[in-house]
Structures are given as C-alpha cells and as structure tokens.
Amino acid sequence: MTRSERRRNLTGWTFLLPAAGLILVMSFIPMFQAFLLSLKTGRGTRLRLADPLWMNYQRLIDDEIFILTMKNTFIYLIVQVPIMLVLALILSVLLNDPKLRFKGFWRTSIFLPCAVSLVSYSLVFRTLFANDGFVNDALMWLHLIDTPINWLSETGTARFVIILGLLWRWTGYNMVFYLAGLQNLDHATIEAARIDGASSWQTFWYVIVPQLKPMILLTAIMSTNGTLQLFDESWNLTRGGPSYTSMTMSHYLYELSFLKSPNFGYASAISYVILMLVAVLALIQMKVGDKRDA
C-alpha cells in the first residue's frame, strides 16, 4: 500500500469514526442494555435477575394478551402491506405517464398524507368514524345502513379503520420510491415490448415490474419493519380496544413499560421478540427477492 493510499484510508476512517461512535453509543449499547434488562424480573426499579434467566421469554408463550397482539400485528401486516404496495405501484405507473396533465399536483396530493402529524390525522379519523361522524352519515344517506356503526368499538371494524388509516398515510410514501425507480428504467425495453405487440398489462408485468424488483424489495422490507413496530395508529385510533383486539405488540410493550405497574424486564423481552421477527422476515424477503446468479 502506497503512502497516498494510506493517507486516503486514514482520511476516510477519520470521517467514519465519529458517526460509528454515535451509532455505538446511541444504538448498540442501549440494545445490549435492553437485552440484559430482559433477563431481569420485578416491578419499577426493583429488578433482579430472573430464575431461570429466560423466564420472561418463557412467559410470552402463556401470555394470551401478547399472543393476541401478535395476531393483530400480523393481520395488519398480511392485509395492509400487499394492498399498499400494489396501490403504490399502480399509482406510480399512472403518474409517470408523460401525457398526464398536472402531474406535480397529483403526486403532491397523494404524497402529502405521510407529512401529516400522526396525532392530527388520528383525530380526523376518529371524528370521521365516530357514531355521529361523516362516514355513518354518508352511509345512512345512501341507505346502505339503517343504524350507525360503532366503528371503533367492534373488533372487525376497529381493525379495518387502522388498516384504512395506514393505507391512506403510507401509500403515497411508497409511491415516491417507485416513481424514482421508474425514472431510471431502460425505456428501450418498453418500446421494444410495444413494437412486439405486448399489451399494456404485459408491458407492465413482464417489463416494468422486473426492473423495479430492487425497489419493490426495499419497500416490502421497510413496510414489514414498520408494521411489526406499529404503535401510533393502535394508540391514537382505537386505544387497542375493544379488549386488546386491535392492539399491536409495540402498544402492549408501551403499556407494560409506562402504564399500570411498570414491568421493564418483560417489556424488554417483547422488544427483542419484535426485533427477531423483523430480522427473520427481512432475511426471508431478501432471500426470496434476490434471485441473482451466484
């Protein structure tokens, strides 16, 4: 290695070390401390090592509320994420049409929901889906229902409102990623498909989607990660009700940590279960999505 190469390497590490140090102090050390905390039992600050050490993790298996919150979270994941990504992909293709007028307006309008405060949009949704809210009034005016639906107090409808809120807020966010990917497509392949007589659907499915595969994989991993850690919608829209049937794992973790009688050790164990779920699902998605030849 020459002297100039050593100098360049030293310069690079000089820029990297402060950021690496911050990541170590702000992320990895707290993660290690949380793992140690998950091996303890007790209430509040009166903690001691559990006997056996894995007691909190063993307790999760018999915790009916945790099992229910995990089921709720996976319902949101399985239903909402595919719908959101498909909608985002379709919208991005439509809004990438060079003949479309007012493209900037449409793109901004669809993206804006993700810039709205979580609390603000939750209050709006709670008002819309109240017993005397706009949604019930509209449905009754259209004679689709005879009596108001208690949207936020029934299991099925409460979950539906959360899924609808997630779709409204995050579809535009993912659409922007796909729009960025579409700007870098090889348009010669699209023109070649059209010359060969491919229909719009065939061009979309066999030409556009394969080229967007890395972006689709990225958004799928980010959406999965975000949904498994979902808290705000569960807390702000339904408060986890009725009877925990719309509560997410992160919401349950929050209740165990800061409400009622704090149990930081058990809450830390739940946080590590969420971390493992995120890591495993991300790994599966990467293995499934990466079909490159070795």
Foldseek 3Di string as FASTA:
>chain_A
DDPVVVVVVVVVVVVVVVVVVCCCVVPVVVLVVLLQLLQWWDFDPPIDGDVVSCVLVVVCVVDPLLVLQAVLLVVLLVPQLVVLLVLLLVVLVVLLPPPDPPSVVVLCVQQCLLVDDLLVVLVVLLQQQDQPHVVQVVCVVVVVDPHGDHQQADLVSVSVSLSVSCSSRCSSVLSVLLNVLVVPFDCVQLVVCVVVPHDPVCCCPVPVCVSCLVSSLVSSLVSSLCSLLDDSSCCRNRNCDDVNNNHHLNNVLCCCCPNDTHISNSSSSSVVVSVVVSVVVNVVSCVVSDPDDD
